[in-house]
Amino acid sequence: MENKRKPFFEFIKKLLRLFKRRPRVINENESLDDVAIYLSNHSAASGPLIYELYFPKAIRFWGTHEMCGSLGMQWKYLSTTYYHDKKHLPKWLAKIVATIVCPFVHGFYRGVNILPTYTDSRLRSTLKESFEVLDSGRSIFVFPEDSSDGYHDVLKQYFAGFYVLARQYYRKTGKNLKIYNMYYSRKKRTLIIKKATTYLDLANLNKTDEEISEMMRQQANEMYKQILSESNKNNKKE
């Protein structure tokens, strides 16, 4: 199933592809499932845009609920959390930049129909809506890294929400979802898609949710090392 959006947003995506080139893809899978859970680092703001433009499957992104509300809520999140806390801009500059980009970000979030996530009891609503997405034949796309102190090439922590989703969906439907772990490097314009695991593969390890997410984080960092290694080899050949 292709990742189709509403006609106007599809037109915008065609324009954006003129400026954002398709990344080099290293895929360790023969194929990608239509219904699965896909994980990736953010690579700052580049990752979500690249996946929206070029990912070959119909996906619904998980995203923080602050960015799924009104224009005012989004401006507050951008000016305070994103540009100041994560990108480390001075407060005055963060407010100016947020004011400029907020209308465009608002349009992007509406266009891709971000599924809001929460860290409290409202997570149940996220899971319920995610089940509906999966039941409809689409995939859930999660950026599990902790970006509270900014975005890093070497990832510091992964949250376990993706694993909770896989477990709850298995309990509800008996379906053993595949989980694809990926890493995208904006600087090297390269994407690695590791060979998929499944929920039961992970559950049978008898590890805690935190241990599972830590495994996936470490694997993502190994993918980053692989990207750097292959880039260095190519530079030497040139």
C-alpha atoms as a PDB file:
ATOM      1  CA  MET A   1       0.000   0.000   0.000  1.00  0.00           C
ATOM      2  CA  GLU A   2       1.447   3.361  -1.058  1.00  0.00           C
ATOM      3  CA  ASN A   3       1.768   6.299   1.308  1.00  0.00           C
ATOM      4  CA  LYS A   4      -0.921   8.489  -0.269  1.00  0.00           C
ATOM      5  CA  ARG A   5      -2.164  11.731   1.285  1.00  0.00           C
ATOM      6  CA  LYS A   6      -4.807  14.254   0.277  1.00  0.00           C
ATOM      7  CA  PRO A   7      -4.343  15.709  -3.253  1.00  0.00           C
ATOM      8  CA  PHE A   8      -3.074  19.153  -2.204  1.00  0.00           C
ATOM      9  CA  PHE A   9      -0.509  17.686   0.165  1.00  0.00           C
ATOM     10  CA  GLU A  10       0.607  15.228  -2.513  1.00  0.00           C
ATOM     11  CA  PHE A  11       1.243  18.258  -4.736  1.00  0.00           C
ATOM     12  CA  ILE A  12       3.331  19.880  -1.982  1.00  0.00           C
ATOM     13  CA  LYS A  13       5.309  16.658  -1.631  1.00  0.00           C
ATOM     14  CA  LYS A  14       6.116  16.681  -5.343  1.00  0.00           C
ATOM     15  CA  LEU A  15       7.551  20.175  -4.957  1.00  0.00           C
ATOM     16  CA  LEU A  16       9.575  19.172  -1.908  1.00  0.00           C
ATOM     17  CA  ARG A  17      11.118  16.252  -3.777  1.00  0.00           C
ATOM     18  CA  LEU A  18      12.758  18.805  -6.071  1.00  0.00           C
ATOM     19  CA  PHE A  19      14.816  20.010  -3.101  1.00  0.00           C
ATOM     20  CA  LYS A  20      15.139  16.846  -1.006  1.00  0.00           C
ATOM     21  CA  ARG A  21      16.955  14.044  -2.776  1.00  0.00           C
ATOM     22  CA  ARG A  22      16.114  10.395  -2.241  1.00  0.00           C
ATOM     23  CA  PRO A  23      18.556   8.816   0.224  1.00  0.00           C
ATOM     24  CA  ARG A  24      20.741   5.818  -0.511  1.00  0.00           C
ATOM     25  CA  VAL A  25      19.019   2.789   1.022  1.00  0.00           C
ATOM     26  CA  ILE A  26      20.684  -0.309   2.451  1.00  0.00           C
ATOM     27  CA  ASN A  27      17.838  -2.769   3.043  1.00  0.00           C
ATOM     28  CA  GLU A  28      18.613  -6.121   4.667  1.00  0.00           C
ATOM     29  CA  ASN A  29      15.083  -7.401   3.960  1.00  0.00           C
ATOM     30  CA  GLU A  30      13.761  -8.993   0.781  1.00  0.00           C
ATOM     31  CA  SER A  31      10.579  -6.968   1.243  1.00  0.00           C
ATOM     32  CA  LEU A  32       8.836  -4.707   3.745  1.00  0.00           C
ATOM     33  CA  ASP A  33       5.510  -5.624   5.324  1.00  0.00           C
ATOM     34  CA  ASP A  34       2.496  -3.414   4.711  1.00  0.00           C
ATOM     35  CA  VAL A  35       1.424  -3.800   8.339  1.00  0.00           C
ATOM     36  CA  ALA A  36       4.307  -3.439  10.768  1.00  0.00           C
ATOM     37  CA  ILE A  37       6.021  -1.147  13.237  1.00  0.00           C
ATOM     38  CA  TYR A  38       8.883   0.906  11.817  1.00  0.00           C
ATOM     39  CA  LEU A  39      11.442   2.579  14.085  1.00  0.00           C
ATOM     40  CA  SER A  40      13.976   5.260  13.258  1.00  0.00           C
ATOM     41  CA  ASN A  41      16.022   8.070  14.726  1.00  0.00           C
ATOM     42  CA  HIS A  42      14.897  11.633  13.979  1.00  0.00           C
ATOM     43  CA  SER A  43      18.095  12.872  12.361  1.00  0.00           C
ATOM     44  CA  ALA A  44      16.908  16.266  13.624  1.00  0.00           C
ATOM     45  CA  ALA A  45      13.889  17.369  11.576  1.00  0.00           C
ATOM     46  CA  SER A  46      15.107  15.627   8.415  1.00  0.00           C
ATOM     47  CA  GLY A  47      14.007  12.094   9.202  1.00  0.00           C
ATOM     48  CA  PRO A  48      10.233  12.600   9.275  1.00  0.00           C
ATOM     49  CA  LEU A  49      10.321  14.632   6.056  1.00  0.00           C
ATOM     50  CA  ILE A  50      12.476  12.120   4.183  1.00  0.00           C
ATOM     51  CA  TYR A  51      10.263   9.219   5.262  1.00  0.00           C
ATOM     52  CA  GLU A  52       7.130  11.101   4.261  1.00  0.00           C
ATOM     53  CA  LEU A  53       8.565  11.851   0.835  1.00  0.00           C
ATOM     54  CA  TYR A  54      10.149   8.511   0.009  1.00  0.00           C
ATOM     55  CA  PHE A  55       9.060   5.685   2.316  1.00  0.00           C
ATOM     56  CA  PRO A  56       7.307   3.075   0.149  1.00  0.00           C
ATOM     57  CA  LYS A  57       4.632   1.988   2.633  1.00  0.00           C
ATOM     58  CA  ALA A  58       1.490   3.637   3.977  1.00  0.00           C
ATOM     59  CA  ILE A  59       2.446   4.889   7.435  1.00  0.00           C
ATOM     60  CA  ARG A  60       1.057   6.909  10.315  1.00  0.00           C
ATOM     61  CA  PHE A  61       3.649   8.736  12.390  1.00  0.00           C
ATOM     62  CA  TRP A  62       3.558   8.850  16.154  1.00  0.00           C
ATOM     63  CA  GLY A  63       4.268  12.377  17.363  1.00  0.00           C
ATOM     64  CA  THR A  64       4.193  14.308  20.607  1.00  0.00           C
ATOM     65  CA  HIS A  65       0.685  15.553  21.390  1.00  0.00           C
ATOM     66  CA  GLU A  66       1.860  19.154  21.814  1.00  0.00           C
ATOM     67  CA  MET A  67       2.445  19.287  18.063  1.00  0.00           C
ATOM     68  CA  CYS A  68      -0.985  17.887  17.226  1.00  0.00           C
ATOM     69  CA  GLY A  69      -3.044  20.678  18.733  1.00  0.00           C
ATOM     70  CA  SER A  70      -3.793  24.263  17.798  1.00  0.00           C
ATOM     71  CA  LEU A  71      -1.430  26.673  16.066  1.00  0.00           C
ATOM     72  CA  GLY A  72      -0.802  28.340  19.422  1.00  0.00           C
ATOM     73  CA  MET A  73       0.122  25.035  21.096  1.00  0.00           C
ATOM     74  CA  GLN A  74       2.486  24.226  18.265  1.00  0.00           C
ATOM     75  CA  TRP A  75       4.145  27.647  18.443  1.00  0.00           C
ATOM     76  CA  LYS A  76       4.699  27.241  22.183  1.00  0.00           C
ATOM     77  CA  TYR A  77       6.241  23.792  21.687  1.00  0.00           C
ATOM     78  CA  LEU A  78       8.469  24.969  18.837  1.00  0.00           C
ATOM     79  CA  SER A  79       9.658  28.135  20.563  1.00  0.00           C
ATOM     80  CA  THR A  80      10.216  26.607  24.001  1.00  0.00           C
ATOM     81  CA  THR A  81      10.924  22.897  23.608  1.00  0.00           C
ATOM     82  CA  TYR A  82      12.163  22.380  20.070  1.00  0.00           C
ATOM     83  CA  TYR A  83      14.238  25.431  19.177  1.00  0.00           C
ATOM     84  CA  HIS A  84      15.355  26.406  22.695  1.00  0.00           C
ATOM     85  CA  ASP A  85      15.658  23.129  24.643  1.00  0.00           C
ATOM     86  CA  LYS A  86      16.562  20.801  21.788  1.00  0.00           C
ATOM     87  CA  LYS A  87      18.235  23.037  19.196  1.00  0.00           C
ATOM     88  CA  HIS A  88      19.743  25.294  21.889  1.00  0.00           C
ATOM     89  CA  LEU A  89      18.825  28.609  20.272  1.00  0.00           C
ATOM     90  CA  PRO A  90      18.591  31.683  22.529  1.00  0.00           C
ATOM     91  CA  LYS A  91      15.024  32.241  23.717  1.00  0.00           C
ATOM     92  CA  TRP A  92      14.541  35.418  21.683  1.00  0.00           C
ATOM     93  CA  LEU A  93      15.777  33.756  18.495  1.00  0.00           C
ATOM     94  CA  ALA A  94      13.769  30.592  19.165  1.00  0.00           C
ATOM     95  CA  LYS A  95      10.585  32.687  19.272  1.00  0.00           C
ATOM     96  CA  ILE A  96      11.398  34.415  15.981  1.00  0.00           C
ATOM     97  CA  VAL A  97      12.218  31.169  14.189  1.00  0.00           C
ATOM     98  CA  ALA A  98       9.122  29.457  15.619  1.00  0.00           C
ATOM     99  CA  THR A  99       6.946  32.318  14.364  1.00  0.00           C
ATOM    100  CA  ILE A 100       8.364  31.960  10.852  1.00  0.00           C
ATOM    101  CA  VAL A 101       8.201  28.171  10.537  1.00  0.00           C
ATOM    102  CA  CYS A 102       5.068  27.430  12.566  1.00  0.00           C
ATOM    103  CA  PRO A 103       2.558  27.856   9.686  1.00  0.00           C
ATOM    104  CA  PHE A 104       4.580  25.453   7.529  1.00  0.00           C
ATOM    105  CA  VAL A 105       5.017  22.914  10.327  1.00  0.00           C
ATOM    106  CA  HIS A 106       1.309  23.174  11.122  1.00  0.00           C
ATOM    107  CA  GLY A 107       0.498  22.369   7.507  1.00  0.00           C
ATOM    108  CA  PHE A 108       2.902  19.423   7.485  1.00  0.00           C
ATOM    109  CA  TYR A 109       1.453  17.915  10.644  1.00  0.00           C
ATOM    110  CA  ARG A 110      -2.067  18.272   9.311  1.00  0.00           C
ATOM    111  CA  GLY A 111      -1.016  16.834   5.967  1.00  0.00           C
ATOM    112  CA  VAL A 112       0.510  13.673   7.402  1.00  0.00           C
ATOM    113  CA  ASN A 113      -2.138  13.343  10.141  1.00  0.00           C
ATOM    114  CA  ILE A 114       0.238  12.767  13.047  1.00  0.00           C
ATOM    115  CA  LEU A 115      -1.054  10.359  15.692  1.00  0.00           C
ATOM    116  CA  PRO A 116      -0.577  12.077  19.092  1.00  0.00           C
ATOM    117  CA  THR A 117       1.351  10.301  21.844  1.00  0.00           C
ATOM    118  CA  TYR A 118       1.231  10.854  25.601  1.00  0.00           C
ATOM    119  CA  THR A 119       3.271   9.882  28.648  1.00  0.00           C
ATOM    120  CA  ASP A 120       0.271   9.478  30.967  1.00  0.00           C
ATOM    121  CA  SER A 121      -2.963   7.475  31.022  1.00  0.00           C
ATOM    122  CA  ARG A 122      -3.956   8.999  27.690  1.00  0.00           C
ATOM    123  CA  LEU A 123      -1.508   6.569  26.080  1.00  0.00           C
ATOM    124  CA  ARG A 124      -4.494   4.234  25.921  1.00  0.00           C
ATOM    125  CA  SER A 125      -6.045   6.491  23.279  1.00  0.00           C
ATOM    126  CA  THR A 126      -2.798   6.362  21.288  1.00  0.00           C
ATOM    127  CA  LEU A 127      -2.825   2.560  21.383  1.00  0.00           C
ATOM    128  CA  LYS A 128      -6.504   2.373  20.447  1.00  0.00           C
ATOM    129  CA  GLU A 129      -6.040   4.628  17.423  1.00  0.00           C
ATOM    130  CA  SER A 130      -2.866   2.756  16.472  1.00  0.00           C
ATOM    131  CA  PHE A 131      -4.830  -0.505  16.470  1.00  0.00           C
ATOM    132  CA  GLU A 132      -7.272   1.065  14.006  1.00  0.00           C
ATOM    133  CA  VAL A 133      -4.379   2.099  11.747  1.00  0.00           C
ATOM    134  CA  LEU A 134      -2.908  -1.401  11.794  1.00  0.00           C
ATOM    135  CA  ASP A 135      -6.327  -2.992  11.228  1.00  0.00           C
ATOM    136  CA  SER A 136      -6.755  -0.792   8.147  1.00  0.00           C
ATOM    137  CA  GLY A 137      -3.633  -2.271   6.526  1.00  0.00           C
ATOM    138  CA  ARG A 138      -1.186   0.533   7.332  1.00  0.00           C
ATOM    139  CA  SER A 139       1.904   0.701   9.508  1.00  0.00           C
ATOM    140  CA  ILE A 140       2.860   2.697  12.580  1.00  0.00           C
ATOM    141  CA  PHE A 141       6.084   4.717  12.376  1.00  0.00           C
ATOM    142  CA  VAL A 142       7.799   5.561  15.671  1.00  0.00           C
ATOM    143  CA  PHE A 143      10.748   7.815  16.525  1.00  0.00           C
ATOM    144  CA  PRO A 144      11.610   6.286  19.911  1.00  0.00           C
ATOM    145  CA  GLU A 145      14.706   8.315  20.807  1.00  0.00           C
ATOM    146  CA  ASP A 146      14.792  10.604  23.821  1.00  0.00           C
ATOM    147  CA  SER A 147      15.455  14.018  22.287  1.00  0.00           C
ATOM    148  CA  SER A 148      14.848  16.075  25.435  1.00  0.00           C
ATOM    149  CA  ASP A 149      18.383  17.508  25.305  1.00  0.00           C
ATOM    150  CA  GLY A 150      18.588  17.669  21.520  1.00  0.00           C
ATOM    151  CA  TYR A 151      19.201  15.318  18.622  1.00  0.00           C
ATOM    152  CA  HIS A 152      22.363  13.240  18.542  1.00  0.00           C
ATOM    153  CA  ASP A 153      24.007  11.059  15.916  1.00  0.00           C
ATOM    154  CA  VAL A 154      24.888   8.558  18.631  1.00  0.00           C
ATOM    155  CA  LEU A 155      21.557   7.883  20.280  1.00  0.00           C
ATOM    156  CA  LYS A 156      21.390   8.047  24.085  1.00  0.00           C
ATOM    157  CA  GLN A 157      18.059   6.442  24.942  1.00  0.00           C
ATOM    158  CA  TYR A 158      15.064   4.759  23.304  1.00  0.00           C
ATOM    159  CA  PHE A 159      11.600   4.723  24.836  1.00  0.00           C
ATOM    160  CA  ALA A 160       9.679   1.431  24.819  1.00  0.00           C
ATOM    161  CA  GLY A 161       6.319   2.611  23.482  1.00  0.00           C
ATOM    162  CA  PHE A 162       6.774   0.684  20.236  1.00  0.00           C
ATOM    163  CA  TYR A 163       7.187  -2.561  22.170  1.00  0.00           C
ATOM    164  CA  VAL A 164       4.133  -1.854  24.322  1.00  0.00           C
ATOM    165  CA  LEU A 165       2.148  -1.315  21.118  1.00  0.00           C
ATOM    166  CA  ALA A 166       3.368  -4.601  19.609  1.00  0.00           C
ATOM    167  CA  ARG A 167       2.530  -6.509  22.799  1.00  0.00           C
ATOM    168  CA  GLN A 168      -0.930  -5.018  23.226  1.00  0.00           C
ATOM    169  CA  TYR A 169      -1.766  -5.595  19.560  1.00  0.00           C
ATOM    170  CA  TYR A 170      -0.681  -9.225  19.872  1.00  0.00           C
ATOM    171  CA  ARG A 171      -2.870  -9.681  22.946  1.00  0.00           C
ATOM    172  CA  LYS A 172      -5.825  -8.108  21.168  1.00  0.00           C
ATOM    173  CA  THR A 173      -5.522  -9.763  17.746  1.00  0.00           C
ATOM    174  CA  GLY A 174      -3.007 -12.611  18.011  1.00  0.00           C
ATOM    175  CA  LYS A 175      -1.006 -10.979  15.193  1.00  0.00           C
ATOM    176  CA  ASN A 176       2.760 -11.108  15.569  1.00  0.00           C
ATOM    177  CA  LEU A 177       3.875  -7.805  14.066  1.00  0.00           C
ATOM    178  CA  LYS A 178       7.243  -7.362  12.445  1.00  0.00           C
ATOM    179  CA  ILE A 179       9.389  -4.571  13.856  1.00  0.00           C
ATOM    180  CA  TYR A 180      11.882  -2.887  11.537  1.00  0.00           C
ATOM    181  CA  ASN A 181      14.726  -0.948  13.096  1.00  0.00           C
ATOM    182  CA  MET A 182      16.241   1.766  10.905  1.00  0.00           C
ATOM    183  CA  TYR A 183      18.794   4.544  11.006  1.00  0.00           C
ATOM    184  CA  TYR A 184      18.852   7.606   8.759  1.00  0.00           C
ATOM    185  CA  SER A 185      21.869   9.895   8.457  1.00  0.00           C
ATOM    186  CA  ARG A 186      21.094  13.320   7.033  1.00  0.00           C
ATOM    187  CA  LYS A 187      24.790  14.148   6.659  1.00  0.00           C
ATOM    188  CA  LYS A 188      25.568  10.953   4.747  1.00  0.00           C
ATOM    189  CA  ARG A 189      22.139  10.862   3.062  1.00  0.00           C
ATOM    190  CA  THR A 190      21.934   7.146   3.818  1.00  0.00           C
ATOM    191  CA  LEU A 191      19.234   4.935   5.313  1.00  0.00           C
ATOM    192  CA  ILE A 192      19.807   1.454   6.726  1.00  0.00           C
ATOM    193  CA  ILE A 193      16.881  -0.918   7.296  1.00  0.00           C
ATOM    194  CA  LYS A 194      17.929  -3.839   9.481  1.00  0.00           C
ATOM    195  CA  LYS A 195      16.470  -7.288   9.006  1.00  0.00           C
ATOM    196  CA  ALA A 196      13.124  -7.298  10.785  1.00  0.00           C
ATOM    197  CA  THR A 197      12.439  -8.938  14.102  1.00  0.00           C
ATOM    198  CA  THR A 198       8.977  -9.735  15.448  1.00  0.00           C
ATOM    199  CA  TYR A 199       7.161  -9.092  18.681  1.00  0.00           C
ATOM    200  CA  LEU A 200       7.439 -12.758  19.712  1.00  0.00           C
ATOM    201  CA  ASP A 201      11.144 -12.828  18.851  1.00  0.00           C
ATOM    202  CA  LEU A 202      11.633 -10.055  21.390  1.00  0.00           C
ATOM    203  CA  ALA A 203       9.137 -11.363  23.944  1.00  0.00           C
ATOM    204  CA  ASN A 204      10.868 -14.752  24.003  1.00  0.00           C
ATOM    205  CA  LEU A 205      14.059 -13.067  25.179  1.00  0.00           C
ATOM    206  CA  ASN A 206      12.350 -12.599  28.569  1.00  0.00           C
ATOM    207  CA  LYS A 207      13.696  -9.079  28.929  1.00  0.00           C
ATOM    208  CA  THR A 208      12.030  -5.994  30.381  1.00  0.00           C
ATOM    209  CA  ASP A 209      10.557  -3.301  28.162  1.00  0.00           C
ATOM    210  CA  GLU A 210      13.517  -1.079  28.977  1.00  0.00           C
ATOM    211  CA  GLU A 211      16.002  -3.817  28.067  1.00  0.00           C
ATOM    212  CA  ILE A 212      14.256  -4.384  24.745  1.00  0.00           C
ATOM    213  CA  SER A 213      14.325  -0.690  23.871  1.00  0.00           C
ATOM    214  CA  GLU A 214      17.989  -0.554  24.870  1.00  0.00           C
ATOM    215  CA  MET A 215      18.739  -3.424  22.473  1.00  0.00           C
ATOM    216  CA  MET A 216      17.105  -1.507  19.644  1.00  0.00           C
ATOM    217  CA  ARG A 217      19.009   1.655  20.552  1.00  0.00           C
ATOM    218  CA  GLN A 218      22.322  -0.163  20.483  1.00  0.00           C
ATOM    219  CA  GLN A 219      21.443  -1.722  17.148  1.00  0.00           C
ATOM    220  CA  ALA A 220      20.607   1.721  15.765  1.00  0.00           C
ATOM    221  CA  ASN A 221      23.996   3.038  16.871  1.00  0.00           C
ATOM    222  CA  GLU A 222      25.677   0.081  15.160  1.00  0.00           C
ATOM    223  CA  MET A 223      23.876   1.097  11.973  1.00  0.00           C
ATOM    224  CA  TYR A 224      25.295   4.590  12.363  1.00  0.00           C
ATOM    225  CA  LYS A 225      28.806   3.142  12.654  1.00  0.00           C
ATOM    226  CA  GLN A 226      28.141   1.096   9.524  1.00  0.00           C
ATOM    227  CA  ILE A 227      27.119   4.220   7.623  1.00  0.00           C
ATOM    228  CA  LEU A 228      30.294   6.024   8.701  1.00  0.00           C
ATOM    229  CA  SER A 229      32.459   3.035   7.796  1.00  0.00           C
ATOM    230  CA  GLU A 230      30.986   2.694   4.306  1.00  0.00           C
ATOM    231  CA  SER A 231      31.240   6.439   3.751  1.00  0.00           C
ATOM    232  CA  ASN A 232      34.934   6.378   4.683  1.00  0.00           C
ATOM    233  CA  LYS A 233      35.546   3.477   2.291  1.00  0.00           C
ATOM    234  CA  ASN A 234      33.859   5.341  -0.552  1.00  0.00           C
ATOM    235  CA  ASN A 235      35.889   8.482   0.161  1.00  0.00           C
ATOM    236  CA  LYS A 236      39.133   6.494   0.003  1.00  0.00           C
ATOM    237  CA  LYS A 237      38.136   4.989  -3.361  1.00  0.00           C
ATOM    238  CA  GLU A 238      37.527   8.466  -4.731  1.00  0.00           C
END
